[in-house]
Amino acid sequence: MDKYRIDSHKLMYHLPRVCGWLNEKTIYPVYMEISPVGSCNHRCIFCAYDFIGYPNRKLDYDRLRTFIDEAKEAGVKRILYAGEGEPLLHPDIGDIIAHSKNSGVDVGLFTNGQLLKEELAGAILPSLTFVRFSFNGGTKENYADIHKVKPEIFERVVANIKKASEI
């Protein structure tokens, strides 16, 4: 595998796919990252996304549901909702996550946590294998400096994370 510069530590779990690839068969990824929206409610100083100007776009709900079904049929085992924006800004994210899980794939989420209110958390957390919060800062002041949000957002995100952990 060295000639392909692939980190092979997980390849042993997917030997039929590796063999198919080495035998030049059509194979599909085991894992996909999907960005359901192209916008974000934070402007983090480290984000590489700012270079495209935070366009306000979102994936079409019906097309995404069809794509999830197609991806599962092709052999995708895991989907991560993250990427170019805050996934929780998609108006149908709860249904998208539930459909993904119901299709038989493991589902993960990267979020800044600001929009993960109790009702949404209760709806989506049972369908998620994991959630990673982008939470950078130990005080409301440096959190606000890093995320480029109002300082009071810090307390809201902390409360949302606490509620999510209870759920």
Protein backbone atom coordinates (compact mmCIF):
# COMPACT_ATOMS: atom_id res chain seq x y z
CA MET A 1 0.00 0.00 0.00
CA ASP A 2 2.98 2.33 0.39
CA LYS A 3 3.05 3.09 -3.32
CA TYR A 4 -0.51 4.50 -2.98
CA ARG A 5 0.34 6.53 0.17
CA ILE A 6 -2.67 5.13 2.00
CA ASP A 7 -2.90 4.99 5.76
CA SER A 8 -3.65 1.29 5.96
CA HIS A 9 -4.58 0.89 9.61
CA LYS A 10 -8.29 0.31 8.81
CA LEU A 11 -7.91 -1.52 5.52
CA MET A 12 -7.83 -4.91 7.24
CA TYR A 13 -11.49 -4.39 8.19
CA HIS A 14 -12.50 -4.06 4.55
CA LEU A 15 -10.49 -6.72 2.75
CA PRO A 16 -13.13 -7.55 0.08
CA ARG A 17 -13.17 -3.88 -0.99
CA VAL A 18 -9.40 -3.63 -0.96
CA CYS A 19 -9.15 -6.77 -3.11
CA GLY A 20 -11.77 -5.40 -5.49
CA TRP A 21 -9.87 -2.14 -5.77
CA LEU A 22 -6.57 -3.91 -6.37
CA ASN A 23 -8.30 -6.00 -9.05
CA GLU A 24 -9.58 -2.78 -10.69
CA LYS A 25 -13.23 -3.43 -9.92
CA THR A 26 -15.62 -0.56 -9.31
CA ILE A 27 -15.78 0.04 -5.58
CA TYR A 28 -17.42 2.72 -3.49
CA PRO A 29 -16.32 4.45 -0.32
CA VAL A 30 -17.07 2.98 3.08
CA TYR A 31 -17.45 6.46 4.57
CA MET A 32 -18.78 9.73 3.19
CA GLU A 33 -18.87 13.27 4.51
CA ILE A 34 -21.88 15.25 3.36
CA SER A 35 -22.27 18.98 3.75
CA PRO A 36 -26.04 19.60 3.80
CA VAL A 37 -25.67 23.39 3.78
CA GLY A 38 -23.19 25.93 2.53
CA SER A 39 -23.70 28.47 5.26
CA CYS A 40 -22.72 28.89 8.88
CA ASN A 41 -23.85 30.94 11.86
CA HIS A 42 -20.25 31.29 13.14
CA ARG A 43 -17.18 32.82 11.51
CA CYS A 44 -14.41 30.91 13.25
CA ILE A 45 -10.94 32.36 12.76
CA PHE A 46 -9.49 28.97 11.79
CA CYS A 47 -12.19 27.97 9.29
CA ALA A 48 -10.99 27.27 5.78
CA TYR A 49 -14.54 27.76 4.52
CA ASP A 50 -14.41 31.56 4.45
CA PHE A 51 -12.52 31.52 1.13
CA ILE A 52 -15.74 30.79 -0.80
CA GLY A 53 -17.76 33.49 0.92
CA TYR A 54 -20.38 31.54 2.91
CA PRO A 55 -22.92 31.07 0.14
CA ASN A 56 -26.43 30.40 1.40
CA ARG A 57 -27.15 27.09 -0.28
CA LYS A 58 -28.54 23.77 0.83
CA LEU A 59 -28.89 20.30 -0.61
CA ASP A 60 -32.33 19.40 -1.93
CA TYR A 61 -34.10 17.24 0.65
CA ASP A 62 -35.69 14.76 -1.78
CA ARG A 63 -32.53 14.36 -3.84
CA LEU A 64 -30.45 13.85 -0.70
CA ARG A 65 -32.82 11.12 0.55
CA THR A 66 -32.51 9.35 -2.81
CA PHE A 67 -28.73 9.75 -2.74
CA ILE A 68 -28.53 8.26 0.77
CA ASP A 69 -30.46 5.21 -0.45
CA GLU A 70 -28.17 4.91 -3.48
CA ALA A 71 -25.06 5.26 -1.32
CA LYS A 72 -26.26 2.56 1.07
CA GLU A 73 -26.99 0.24 -1.86
CA ALA A 74 -23.48 0.88 -3.21
CA GLY A 75 -21.96 -0.14 0.12
CA VAL A 76 -21.48 3.08 2.08
CA LYS A 77 -21.49 2.20 5.78
CA ARG A 78 -21.04 5.59 7.44
CA ILE A 79 -22.12 9.15 6.74
CA LEU A 80 -20.84 12.22 8.54
CA TYR A 81 -22.85 15.43 8.32
CA ALA A 82 -20.32 18.24 8.54
CA GLY A 83 -18.26 20.04 5.95
CA GLU A 84 -18.87 23.43 4.41
CA GLY A 85 -21.14 24.99 6.99
CA GLU A 86 -23.28 24.23 10.02
CA PRO A 87 -25.37 21.10 9.27
CA LEU A 88 -28.07 22.10 11.75
CA LEU A 89 -28.95 25.07 9.53
CA HIS A 90 -30.59 22.67 7.05
CA PRO A 91 -34.34 22.88 7.74
CA ASP A 92 -34.76 19.12 7.25
CA ILE A 93 -31.67 17.91 9.11
CA GLY A 94 -33.70 15.90 11.63
CA ASP A 95 -35.43 13.95 8.88
CA ILE A 96 -32.18 13.59 6.93
CA ILE A 97 -30.38 12.10 9.92
CA ALA A 98 -33.29 9.78 10.74
CA HIS A 99 -33.53 8.61 7.12
CA SER A 100 -29.79 7.96 7.04
CA LYS A 101 -29.96 5.83 10.18
CA ASN A 102 -33.11 4.04 9.01
CA SER A 103 -31.38 3.19 5.73
CA GLY A 104 -28.82 1.21 7.72
CA VAL A 105 -25.77 3.48 7.82
CA ASP A 106 -24.00 4.80 10.90
CA VAL A 107 -24.41 8.56 11.19
CA GLY A 108 -22.13 11.17 12.75
CA LEU A 109 -22.47 14.92 13.14
CA PHE A 110 -20.01 17.79 13.51
CA THR A 111 -21.68 20.95 14.81
CA ASN A 112 -20.92 24.17 16.64
CA GLY A 113 -23.85 23.28 18.90
CA GLN A 114 -25.58 26.63 18.91
CA LEU A 115 -28.74 25.30 17.23
CA LEU A 116 -28.89 21.96 19.05
CA LYS A 117 -31.86 22.88 21.20
CA GLU A 118 -33.51 20.27 23.40
CA GLU A 119 -36.29 19.31 20.97
CA LEU A 120 -33.89 18.83 18.05
CA ALA A 121 -31.38 17.01 20.26
CA GLY A 122 -34.09 14.62 21.42
CA ALA A 123 -35.07 13.95 17.82
CA ILE A 124 -31.62 13.35 16.32
CA LEU A 125 -29.38 11.99 19.06
CA PRO A 126 -30.94 8.49 19.03
CA SER A 127 -29.99 8.22 15.34
CA LEU A 128 -26.39 9.38 15.79
CA THR A 129 -23.38 7.19 16.48
CA PHE A 130 -21.45 10.27 17.62
CA VAL A 131 -21.52 14.06 17.78
CA ARG A 132 -18.44 16.27 17.75
CA PHE A 133 -18.81 19.84 18.90
CA SER A 134 -16.60 22.58 17.55
CA PHE A 135 -16.12 24.36 20.84
CA ASN A 136 -13.01 26.48 20.96
CA GLY A 137 -12.43 28.62 23.99
CA GLY A 138 -12.58 28.33 27.74
CA THR A 139 -14.30 31.60 28.52
CA LYS A 140 -17.13 33.43 26.85
CA GLU A 141 -14.68 36.16 25.81
CA ASN A 142 -12.13 33.98 24.04
CA TYR A 143 -14.89 31.73 22.65
CA ALA A 144 -16.47 34.85 21.12
CA ASP A 145 -13.07 35.95 19.74
CA ILE A 146 -12.42 32.57 18.13
CA HIS A 147 -15.94 31.82 16.85
CA LYS A 148 -16.69 35.47 15.99
CA VAL A 149 -20.05 35.37 17.77
CA LYS A 150 -21.58 37.33 20.63
CA PRO A 151 -20.21 36.29 24.06
CA GLU A 152 -23.63 35.07 25.26
CA ILE A 153 -23.55 32.31 22.63
CA PHE A 154 -20.97 30.56 24.84
CA GLU A 155 -23.55 29.91 27.59
CA ARG A 156 -26.15 28.79 25.05
CA VAL A 157 -23.78 26.24 23.53
CA VAL A 158 -22.69 24.98 26.96
CA ALA A 159 -26.36 24.53 27.93
CA ASN A 160 -27.08 22.70 24.65
CA ILE A 161 -24.12 20.34 25.17
CA LYS A 162 -25.21 19.64 28.75
CA LYS A 163 -28.78 18.88 27.63
CA ALA A 164 -27.51 16.67 24.80
CA SER A 165 -25.38 14.70 27.27
CA GLU A 166 -28.44 14.16 29.48
CA ILE A 167 -30.48 12.94 26.52
